Amino acid sequence: FGTGNTVGQGDEQGMYQGARPQSLAFLDRFTIWAKVPYLNDKQR
């Protein structure tokens, strides 16, 4: 499994300095993608 904040696209807005755009060949080898939502009010 892999986790990340930029979906492998790199940091365009300066929030995750050092994040690199990953190659499409690498990203294509992850077969399932899941977006994790922010915590809801009860969880917070």
All heavy atoms as atom14 arrays in JSON, in Angstrom:
{
  "sequence": "FGTGNTVGQGDEQGMYQGARPQSLAFLDRFTIWAKVPYLNDKQR",
  "atom14_mask": [
    [1, 1, 1, 1, 1, 1, 1, 1, 1, 1, 1, 0, 0, 0],
    [1, 1, 1, 1, 0, 0, 0, 0, 0, 0, 0, 0, 0, 0],
    [1, 1, 1, 1, 1, 1, 1, 0, 0, 0, 0, 0, 0, 0],
    [1, 1, 1, 1, 0, 0, 0, 0, 0, 0, 0, 0, 0, 0],
    [1, 1, 1, 1, 1, 1, 1, 1, 0, 0, 0, 0, 0, 0],
    [1, 1, 1, 1, 1, 1, 1, 0, 0, 0, 0, 0, 0, 0],
    [1, 1, 1, 1, 1, 1, 1, 0, 0, 0, 0, 0, 0, 0],
    [1, 1, 1, 1, 0, 0, 0, 0, 0, 0, 0, 0, 0, 0],
    [1, 1, 1, 1, 1, 1, 1, 1, 1, 0, 0, 0, 0, 0],
    [1, 1, 1, 1, 0, 0, 0, 0, 0, 0, 0, 0, 0, 0],
    [1, 1, 1, 1, 1, 1, 1, 1, 0, 0, 0, 0, 0, 0],
    [1, 1, 1, 1, 1, 1, 1, 1, 1, 0, 0, 0, 0, 0],
    [1, 1, 1, 1, 1, 1, 1, 1, 1, 0, 0, 0, 0, 0],
    [1, 1, 1, 1, 0, 0, 0, 0, 0, 0, 0, 0, 0, 0],
    [1, 1, 1, 1, 1, 1, 1, 1, 0, 0, 0, 0, 0, 0],
    [1, 1, 1, 1, 1, 1, 1, 1, 1, 1, 1, 1, 0, 0],
    [1, 1, 1, 1, 1, 1, 1, 1, 1, 0, 0, 0, 0, 0],
    [1, 1, 1, 1, 0, 0, 0, 0, 0, 0, 0, 0, 0, 0],
    [1, 1, 1, 1, 1, 0, 0, 0, 0, 0, 0, 0, 0, 0],
    [1, 1, 1, 1, 1, 1, 1, 1, 1, 1, 1, 0, 0, 0],
    [1, 1, 1, 1, 1, 1, 1, 0, 0, 0, 0, 0, 0, 0],
    [1, 1, 1, 1, 1, 1, 1, 1, 1, 0, 0, 0, 0, 0],
    [1, 1, 1, 1, 1, 1, 0, 0, 0, 0, 0, 0, 0, 0],
    [1, 1, 1, 1, 1, 1, 1, 1, 0, 0, 0, 0, 0, 0],
    [1, 1, 1, 1, 1, 0, 0, 0, 0, 0, 0, 0, 0, 0],
    [1, 1, 1, 1, 1, 1, 1, 1, 1, 1, 1, 0, 0, 0],
    [1, 1, 1, 1, 1, 1, 1, 1, 0, 0, 0, 0, 0, 0],
    [1, 1, 1, 1, 1, 1, 1, 1, 0, 0, 0, 0, 0, 0],
    [1, 1, 1, 1, 1, 1, 1, 1, 1, 1, 1, 0, 0, 0],
    [1, 1, 1, 1, 1, 1, 1, 1, 1, 1, 1, 0, 0, 0],
    [1, 1, 1, 1, 1, 1, 1, 0, 0, 0, 0, 0, 0, 0],
    [1, 1, 1, 1, 1, 1, 1, 1, 0, 0, 0, 0, 0, 0],
    [1, 1, 1, 1, 1, 1, 1, 1, 1, 1, 1, 1, 1, 1],
    [1, 1, 1, 1, 1, 0, 0, 0, 0, 0, 0, 0, 0, 0],
    [1, 1, 1, 1, 1, 1, 1, 1, 1, 0, 0, 0, 0, 0],
    [1, 1, 1, 1, 1, 1, 1, 0, 0, 0, 0, 0, 0, 0],
    [1, 1, 1, 1, 1, 1, 1, 0, 0, 0, 0, 0, 0, 0],
    [1, 1, 1, 1, 1, 1, 1, 1, 1, 1, 1, 1, 0, 0],
    [1, 1, 1, 1, 1, 1, 1, 1, 0, 0, 0, 0, 0, 0],
    [1, 1, 1, 1, 1, 1, 1, 1, 0, 0, 0, 0, 0, 0],
    [1, 1, 1, 1, 1, 1, 1, 1, 0, 0, 0, 0, 0, 0],
    [1, 1, 1, 1, 1, 1, 1, 1, 1, 0, 0, 0, 0, 0],
    [1, 1, 1, 1, 1, 1, 1, 1, 1, 0, 0, 0, 0, 0],
    [1, 1, 1, 1, 1, 1, 1, 1, 1, 1, 1, 0, 0, 0]
  ],
  "atom14_positions": [
    [[0.84, -1.18, 0.0], [0.0, 0.0, 0.0], [0.89, 1.25, 0.0], [2.0, 1.23, 0.51], [-0.91, 0.04, 1.24], [-1.93, -1.06, 1.29], [-1.61, -2.28, 1.86], [-3.19, -0.86, 0.78], [-2.55, -3.31, 1.91], [-4.14, -1.88, 0.83], [-3.81, -3.11, 1.4], [0.0, 0.0, 0.0], [0.0, 0.0, 0.0], [0.0, 0.0, 0.0]],
    [[0.37, 2.32, -0.56], [1.08, 3.58, -0.52], [0.14, 4.69, -0.06], [-1.07, 4.63, -0.32], [0.0, 0.0, 0.0], [0.0, 0.0, 0.0], [0.0, 0.0, 0.0], [0.0, 0.0, 0.0], [0.0, 0.0, 0.0], [0.0, 0.0, 0.0], [0.0, 0.0, 0.0], [0.0, 0.0, 0.0], [0.0, 0.0, 0.0], [0.0, 0.0, 0.0]],
    [[0.65, 5.67, 0.66], [-0.15, 6.82, 1.06], [0.53, 8.09, 0.55], [1.74, 8.12, 0.36], [-0.28, 6.92, 2.6], [1.0, 7.27, 3.16], [-0.73, 5.58, 3.19], [0.0, 0.0, 0.0], [0.0, 0.0, 0.0], [0.0, 0.0, 0.0], [0.0, 0.0, 0.0], [0.0, 0.0, 0.0], [0.0, 0.0, 0.0], [0.0, 0.0, 0.0]],
    [[-0.27, 9.11, 0.31], [0.29, 10.36, -0.18], [-0.75, 11.46, -0.2], [-1.95, 11.19, -0.12], [0.0, 0.0, 0.0], [0.0, 0.0, 0.0], [0.0, 0.0, 0.0], [0.0, 0.0, 0.0], [0.0, 0.0, 0.0], [0.0, 0.0, 0.0], [0.0, 0.0, 0.0], [0.0, 0.0, 0.0], [0.0, 0.0, 0.0], [0.0, 0.0, 0.0]],
    [[-0.29, 12.68, -0.33], [-1.19, 13.84, -0.33], [-1.41, 14.44, -1.71], [-2.32, 15.24, -1.89], [-0.63, 14.93, 0.6], [-0.68, 14.53, 2.06], [-1.75, 14.3, 2.61], [0.48, 14.44, 2.69], [0.0, 0.0, 0.0], [0.0, 0.0, 0.0], [0.0, 0.0, 0.0], [0.0, 0.0, 0.0], [0.0, 0.0, 0.0], [0.0, 0.0, 0.0]],
    [[-0.57, 14.07, -2.68], [-0.65, 14.75, -3.98], [-1.05, 13.8, -5.11], [-0.98, 14.18, -6.28], [0.69, 15.4, -4.34], [1.66, 14.39, -4.66], [1.23, 16.25, -3.2], [0.0, 0.0, 0.0], [0.0, 0.0, 0.0], [0.0, 0.0, 0.0], [0.0, 0.0, 0.0], [0.0, 0.0, 0.0], [0.0, 0.0, 0.0], [0.0, 0.0, 0.0]],
    [[-1.45, 12.58, -4.79], [-1.85, 11.57, -5.78], [-0.75, 11.36, -6.81], [-1.01, 11.11, -7.98], [-3.18, 11.96, -6.48], [-3.86, 10.72, -7.06], [-4.14, 12.65, -5.53], [0.0, 0.0, 0.0], [0.0, 0.0, 0.0], [0.0, 0.0, 0.0], [0.0, 0.0, 0.0], [0.0, 0.0, 0.0], [0.0, 0.0, 0.0], [0.0, 0.0, 0.0]],
    [[0.49, 11.52, -6.37], [1.62, 11.29, -7.26], [1.85, 12.38, -8.28], [2.67, 12.21, -9.19], [0.0, 0.0, 0.0], [0.0, 0.0, 0.0], [0.0, 0.0, 0.0], [0.0, 0.0, 0.0], [0.0, 0.0, 0.0], [0.0, 0.0, 0.0], [0.0, 0.0, 0.0], [0.0, 0.0, 0.0], [0.0, 0.0, 0.0], [0.0, 0.0, 0.0]],
    [[1.16, 13.5, -8.15], [1.25, 14.56, -9.16], [2.23, 15.67, -8.79], [2.4, 16.63, -9.54], [-0.13, 15.17, -9.41], [-1.18, 14.17, -9.84], [-0.77, 13.38, -11.06], [-0.35, 13.96, -12.06], [-0.87, 12.06, -10.99], [0.0, 0.0, 0.0], [0.0, 0.0, 0.0], [0.0, 0.0, 0.0], [0.0, 0.0, 0.0], [0.0, 0.0, 0.0]],
    [[2.84, 15.59, -7.62], [3.74, 16.64, -7.18], [3.0, 17.76, -6.47], [1.77, 17.79, -6.42], [0.0, 0.0, 0.0], [0.0, 0.0, 0.0], [0.0, 0.0, 0.0], [0.0, 0.0, 0.0], [0.0, 0.0, 0.0], [0.0, 0.0, 0.0], [0.0, 0.0, 0.0], [0.0, 0.0, 0.0], [0.0, 0.0, 0.0], [0.0, 0.0, 0.0]],
    [[3.75, 18.69, -5.92], [3.19, 19.76, -5.11], [3.14, 21.05, -5.92], [4.15, 21.7, -6.14], [4.06, 19.95, -3.86], [3.52, 21.03, -2.94], [2.34, 21.38, -3.08], [4.28, 21.52, -2.1], [0.0, 0.0, 0.0], [0.0, 0.0, 0.0], [0.0, 0.0, 0.0], [0.0, 0.0, 0.0], [0.0, 0.0, 0.0], [0.0, 0.0, 0.0]],
    [[1.94, 21.43, -6.35], [1.78, 22.63, -7.17], [1.5, 23.88, -6.33], [1.64, 24.99, -6.82], [0.64, 22.43, -8.18], [0.9, 21.32, -9.19], [-0.26, 21.15, -10.15], [-1.33, 21.75, -9.89], [-0.11, 20.45, -11.16], [0.0, 0.0, 0.0], [0.0, 0.0, 0.0], [0.0, 0.0, 0.0], [0.0, 0.0, 0.0], [0.0, 0.0, 0.0]],
    [[1.08, 23.69, -5.06], [0.63, 24.82, -4.26], [1.53, 25.11, -3.06], [1.22, 25.98, -2.26], [-0.81, 24.58, -3.79], [-1.78, 24.45, -4.97], [-3.16, 24.01, -4.53], [-3.31, 23.36, -3.5], [-4.16, 24.36, -5.31], [0.0, 0.0, 0.0], [0.0, 0.0, 0.0], [0.0, 0.0, 0.0], [0.0, 0.0, 0.0], [0.0, 0.0, 0.0]],
    [[2.62, 24.37, -2.94], [3.57, 24.65, -1.87], [3.19, 24.12, -0.51], [3.79, 24.51, 0.49], [0.0, 0.0, 0.0], [0.0, 0.0, 0.0], [0.0, 0.0, 0.0], [0.0, 0.0, 0.0], [0.0, 0.0, 0.0], [0.0, 0.0, 0.0], [0.0, 0.0, 0.0], [0.0, 0.0, 0.0], [0.0, 0.0, 0.0], [0.0, 0.0, 0.0]],
    [[2.21, 23.22, -0.43], [1.79, 22.69, 0.86], [2.6, 21.47, 1.27], [2.66, 21.13, 2.45], [0.3, 22.34, 0.84], [-0.61, 23.54, 0.75], [-2.34, 23.13, 1.07], [-2.69, 22.01, -0.3], [0.0, 0.0, 0.0], [0.0, 0.0, 0.0], [0.0, 0.0, 0.0], [0.0, 0.0, 0.0], [0.0, 0.0, 0.0], [0.0, 0.0, 0.0]],
    [[3.2, 20.79, 0.29], [3.94, 19.56, 0.59], [5.31, 19.63, -0.08], [5.59, 18.94, -1.06], [3.16, 18.33, 0.11], [1.74, 18.28, 0.65], [0.66, 18.62, -0.15], [1.5, 17.93, 1.97], [-0.64, 18.6, 0.35], [0.22, 17.91, 2.49], [-0.85, 18.24, 1.67], [-2.13, 18.22, 2.17], [0.0, 0.0, 0.0], [0.0, 0.0, 0.0]],
    [[6.14, 20.53, 0.44], [7.46, 20.75, -0.15], [8.26, 19.45, -0.2], [8.35, 18.73, 0.79], [8.23, 21.79, 0.68], [7.67, 23.2, 0.58], [7.91, 23.82, -0.79], [8.83, 23.43, -1.49], [7.09, 24.78, -1.16], [0.0, 0.0, 0.0], [0.0, 0.0, 0.0], [0.0, 0.0, 0.0], [0.0, 0.0, 0.0], [0.0, 0.0, 0.0]],
    [[8.83, 19.17, -1.37], [9.64, 17.97, -1.54], [8.91, 16.83, -2.23], [9.54, 15.86, -2.65], [0.0, 0.0, 0.0], [0.0, 0.0, 0.0], [0.0, 0.0, 0.0], [0.0, 0.0, 0.0], [0.0, 0.0, 0.0], [0.0, 0.0, 0.0], [0.0, 0.0, 0.0], [0.0, 0.0, 0.0], [0.0, 0.0, 0.0], [0.0, 0.0, 0.0]],
    [[7.58, 16.94, -2.37], [6.83, 15.91, -3.07], [7.2, 15.94, -4.55], [7.32, 17.01, -5.15], [5.33, 16.12, -2.9], [0.0, 0.0, 0.0], [0.0, 0.0, 0.0], [0.0, 0.0, 0.0], [0.0, 0.0, 0.0], [0.0, 0.0, 0.0], [0.0, 0.0, 0.0], [0.0, 0.0, 0.0], [0.0, 0.0, 0.0], [0.0, 0.0, 0.0]],
    [[7.41, 14.75, -5.13], [7.84, 14.66, -6.52], [6.71, 14.14, -7.4], [5.99, 13.22, -7.0], [9.02, 13.69, -6.66], [10.29, 14.09, -5.94], [11.32, 12.99, -6.11], [12.63, 13.37, -5.64], [13.07, 13.17, -4.4], [12.28, 12.59, -3.51], [14.28, 13.54, -4.04], [0.0, 0.0, 0.0], [0.0, 0.0, 0.0], [0.0, 0.0, 0.0]],
    [[6.58, 14.66, -8.62], [5.66, 14.02, -9.57], [6.19, 12.61, -9.88], [7.36, 12.45, -10.22], [5.73, 14.93, -10.8], [6.28, 16.23, -10.3], [7.19, 15.87, -9.18], [0.0, 0.0, 0.0], [0.0, 0.0, 0.0], [0.0, 0.0, 0.0], [0.0, 0.0, 0.0], [0.0, 0.0, 0.0], [0.0, 0.0, 0.0], [0.0, 0.0, 0.0]],
    [[5.34, 11.61, -9.73], [5.74, 10.24, -9.97], [5.42, 9.84, -11.41], [4.47, 10.36, -12.01], [5.04, 9.29, -8.99], [5.32, 9.6, -7.53], [6.79, 9.42, -7.17], [7.45, 8.5, -7.65], [7.3, 10.3, -6.31], [0.0, 0.0, 0.0], [0.0, 0.0, 0.0], [0.0, 0.0, 0.0], [0.0, 0.0, 0.0], [0.0, 0.0, 0.0]],
    [[6.19, 8.92, -11.96], [5.98, 8.51, -13.35], [4.65, 7.76, -13.49], [4.2, 7.08, -12.57], [7.12, 7.61, -13.83], [7.02, 6.32, -13.25], [0.0, 0.0, 0.0], [0.0, 0.0, 0.0], [0.0, 0.0, 0.0], [0.0, 0.0, 0.0], [0.0, 0.0, 0.0], [0.0, 0.0, 0.0], [0.0, 0.0, 0.0], [0.0, 0.0, 0.0]],
    [[4.04, 7.92, -14.65], [2.77, 7.24, -14.92], [2.95, 5.73, -14.86], [2.06, 5.0, -14.41], [2.23, 7.67, -16.29], [0.84, 7.12, -16.65], [-0.19, 7.59, -15.64], [0.46, 7.58, -18.06], [0.0, 0.0, 0.0], [0.0, 0.0, 0.0], [0.0, 0.0, 0.0], [0.0, 0.0, 0.0], [0.0, 0.0, 0.0], [0.0, 0.0, 0.0]],
    [[4.11, 5.23, -15.29], [4.38, 3.79, -15.25], [4.33, 3.28, -13.81], [3.82, 2.18, -13.54], [5.74, 3.49, -15.86], [0.0, 0.0, 0.0], [0.0, 0.0, 0.0], [0.0, 0.0, 0.0], [0.0, 0.0, 0.0], [0.0, 0.0, 0.0], [0.0, 0.0, 0.0], [0.0, 0.0, 0.0], [0.0, 0.0, 0.0], [0.0, 0.0, 0.0]],
    [[4.83, 4.07, -12.89], [4.8, 3.7, -11.47], [3.38, 3.77, -10.92], [2.9, 2.83, -10.28], [5.73, 4.64, -10.7], [5.81, 4.39, -9.22], [6.1, 3.14, -8.72], [5.58, 5.42, -8.34], [6.18, 2.91, -7.35], [5.66, 5.22, -6.97], [5.96, 3.95, -6.48], [0.0, 0.0, 0.0], [0.0, 0.0, 0.0], [0.0, 0.0, 0.0]],
    [[2.67, 4.86, -11.2], [1.33, 5.04, -10.67], [0.35, 4.01, -11.23], [-0.57, 3.58, -10.53], [0.83, 6.46, -10.98], [1.64, 7.61, -10.35], [1.09, 8.95, -10.81], [1.62, 7.51, -8.83], [0.0, 0.0, 0.0], [0.0, 0.0, 0.0], [0.0, 0.0, 0.0], [0.0, 0.0, 0.0], [0.0, 0.0, 0.0], [0.0, 0.0, 0.0]],
    [[0.54, 3.62, -12.48], [-0.35, 2.64, -13.11], [-0.3, 1.28, -12.43], [-1.22, 0.47, -12.58], [0.0, 2.46, -14.59], [-0.66, 3.53, -15.45], [-1.52, 4.26, -14.94], [-0.31, 3.63, -16.64], [0.0, 0.0, 0.0], [0.0, 0.0, 0.0], [0.0, 0.0, 0.0], [0.0, 0.0, 0.0], [0.0, 0.0, 0.0], [0.0, 0.0, 0.0]],
    [[0.76, 1.02, -11.7], [0.9, -0.28, -11.05], [0.15, -0.36, -9.73], [0.08, -1.43, -9.13], [2.39, -0.6, -10.87], [3.03, -1.02, -12.2], [4.55, -1.05, -12.13], [5.13, -1.69, -13.3], [5.3, -1.11, -14.48], [4.91, 0.14, -14.67], [5.84, -1.76, -15.5], [0.0, 0.0, 0.0], [0.0, 0.0, 0.0], [0.0, 0.0, 0.0]],
    [[-0.41, 0.76, -9.29], [-1.34, 0.73, -8.16], [-2.74, 0.55, -8.74], [-3.27, 1.44, -9.41], [-1.26, 2.02, -7.35], [-0.01, 2.13, -6.52], [1.13, 2.73, -7.04], [0.03, 1.61, -5.23], [2.29, 2.82, -6.27], [1.18, 1.69, -4.47], [2.32, 2.3, -4.99], [0.0, 0.0, 0.0], [0.0, 0.0, 0.0], [0.0, 0.0, 0.0]],
    [[-3.34, -0.59, -8.5], [-4.58, -0.95, -9.18], [-5.83, -0.41, -8.49], [-6.88, -0.28, -9.12], [-4.71, -2.47, -9.31], [-4.59, -3.06, -8.0], [-3.59, -3.03, -10.18], [0.0, 0.0, 0.0], [0.0, 0.0, 0.0], [0.0, 0.0, 0.0], [0.0, 0.0, 0.0], [0.0, 0.0, 0.0], [0.0, 0.0, 0.0], [0.0, 0.0, 0.0]],
    [[-5.75, -0.11, -7.21], [-6.91, 0.4, -6.47], [-6.5, 1.69, -5.77], [-5.5, 1.74, -5.08], [-7.42, -0.62, -5.44], [-7.9, -1.9, -6.13], [-8.55, -0.01, -4.6], [-8.33, -2.99, -5.18], [0.0, 0.0, 0.0], [0.0, 0.0, 0.0], [0.0, 0.0, 0.0], [0.0, 0.0, 0.0], [0.0, 0.0, 0.0], [0.0, 0.0, 0.0]],
    [[-7.32, 2.74, -5.96], [-7.06, 4.04, -5.34], [-8.24, 4.38, -4.42], [-9.4, 4.12, -4.76], [-6.91, 5.13, -6.39], [-5.68, 4.96, -7.24], [-5.45, 4.0, -8.19], [-4.5, 5.76, -7.19], [-4.2, 4.16, -8.74], [-3.6, 5.24, -8.14], [-4.13, 6.87, -6.45], [-2.35, 5.78, -8.38], [-2.88, 7.43, -6.67], [-2.0, 6.89, -7.62]],
    [[-7.96, 4.96, -3.29], [-9.02, 5.33, -2.35], [-8.72, 6.71, -1.77], [-7.63, 6.95, -1.24], [-9.13, 4.3, -1.23], [0.0, 0.0, 0.0], [0.0, 0.0, 0.0], [0.0, 0.0, 0.0], [0.0, 0.0, 0.0], [0.0, 0.0, 0.0], [0.0, 0.0, 0.0], [0.0, 0.0, 0.0], [0.0, 0.0, 0.0], [0.0, 0.0, 0.0]],
    [[-9.67, 7.6, -1.87], [-9.53, 8.93, -1.29], [-10.09, 8.89, 0.13], [-11.25, 8.54, 0.34], [-10.29, 9.97, -2.12], [-10.09, 11.4, -1.63], [-10.76, 12.39, -2.56], [-10.51, 13.82, -2.08], [-11.14, 14.82, -2.99], [0.0, 0.0, 0.0], [0.0, 0.0, 0.0], [0.0, 0.0, 0.0], [0.0, 0.0, 0.0], [0.0, 0.0, 0.0]],
    [[-9.26, 9.23, 1.09], [-9.68, 9.2, 2.49], [-10.24, 10.57, 2.86], [-9.52, 11.58, 2.78], [-8.5, 8.84, 3.42], [-8.95, 8.82, 4.87], [-7.92, 7.49, 3.02], [0.0, 0.0, 0.0], [0.0, 0.0, 0.0], [0.0, 0.0, 0.0], [0.0, 0.0, 0.0], [0.0, 0.0, 0.0], [0.0, 0.0, 0.0], [0.0, 0.0, 0.0]],
    [[-11.5, 10.65, 3.26], [-12.1, 11.96, 3.59], [-11.58, 12.49, 4.92], [-11.0, 11.75, 5.73], [-13.6, 11.64, 3.68], [-13.64, 10.2, 4.11], [-12.47, 9.55, 3.44], [0.0, 0.0, 0.0], [0.0, 0.0, 0.0], [0.0, 0.0, 0.0], [0.0, 0.0, 0.0], [0.0, 0.0, 0.0], [0.0, 0.0, 0.0], [0.0, 0.0, 0.0]],
    [[-11.8, 13.77, 5.15], [-11.46, 14.36, 6.43], [-12.39, 13.82, 7.52], [-13.49, 13.35, 7.23], [-11.56, 15.89, 6.37], [-10.47, 16.53, 5.54], [-10.7, 16.92, 4.22], [-9.2, 16.72, 6.07], [-9.69, 17.5, 3.45], [-8.19, 17.3, 5.31], [-8.44, 17.69, 4.02], [-7.44, 18.24, 3.26], [0.0, 0.0, 0.0], [0.0, 0.0, 0.0]],
    [[-11.93, 13.88, 8.76], [-12.74, 13.4, 9.87], [-14.04, 14.19, 9.95], [-14.06, 15.4, 9.72], [-11.98, 13.56, 11.19], [-10.64, 12.82, 11.32], [-10.03, 13.11, 12.7], [-10.81, 11.33, 11.13], [0.0, 0.0, 0.0], [0.0, 0.0, 0.0], [0.0, 0.0, 0.0], [0.0, 0.0, 0.0], [0.0, 0.0, 0.0], [0.0, 0.0, 0.0]],
    [[-15.13, 13.49, 10.29], [-16.39, 14.2, 10.48], [-16.45, 14.82, 11.89], [-15.52, 14.65, 12.69], [-17.59, 13.28, 10.24], [-17.6, 12.07, 11.17], [-17.24, 12.18, 12.36], [-18.03, 10.93, 10.67], [0.0, 0.0, 0.0], [0.0, 0.0, 0.0], [0.0, 0.0, 0.0], [0.0, 0.0, 0.0], [0.0, 0.0, 0.0], [0.0, 0.0, 0.0]],
    [[-17.53, 15.53, 12.18], [-17.62, 16.25, 13.46], [-17.47, 15.32, 14.66], [-16.77, 15.64, 15.62], [-18.95, 16.99, 13.55], [-18.98, 18.23, 12.66], [-17.99, 18.46, 11.95], [-19.99, 18.96, 12.69], [0.0, 0.0, 0.0], [0.0, 0.0, 0.0], [0.0, 0.0, 0.0], [0.0, 0.0, 0.0], [0.0, 0.0, 0.0], [0.0, 0.0, 0.0]],
    [[-18.13, 14.18, 14.6], [-18.08, 13.24, 15.74], [-16.67, 12.69, 15.93], [-16.18, 12.58, 17.06], [-19.06, 12.09, 15.54], [-19.1, 11.11, 16.72], [-20.06, 9.97, 16.49], [-20.14, 9.08, 17.73], [-18.83, 8.62, 18.2], [0.0, 0.0, 0.0], [0.0, 0.0, 0.0], [0.0, 0.0, 0.0], [0.0, 0.0, 0.0], [0.0, 0.0, 0.0]],
    [[-16.03, 12.35, 14.84], [-14.67, 11.82, 14.93], [-13.7, 12.87, 15.48], [-12.82, 12.55, 16.28], [-14.21, 11.34, 13.55], [-14.94, 10.11, 13.06], [-14.66, 9.8, 11.6], [-14.45, 10.71, 10.79], [-14.65, 8.52, 11.25], [0.0, 0.0, 0.0], [0.0, 0.0, 0.0], [0.0, 0.0, 0.0], [0.0, 0.0, 0.0], [0.0, 0.0, 0.0]],
    [[-13.87, 14.12, 15.06], [-13.01, 15.19, 15.58], [-13.29, 15.45, 17.06], [-12.37, 15.71, 17.84], [-13.19, 16.46, 14.75], [-12.41, 16.43, 13.44], [-12.65, 17.68, 12.62], [-13.83, 17.52, 11.78], [-14.67, 18.48, 11.48], [-14.51, 19.69, 11.98], [-15.7, 18.26, 10.68], [0.0, 0.0, 0.0], [0.0, 0.0, 0.0], [0.0, 0.0, 0.0]]
  ]
}
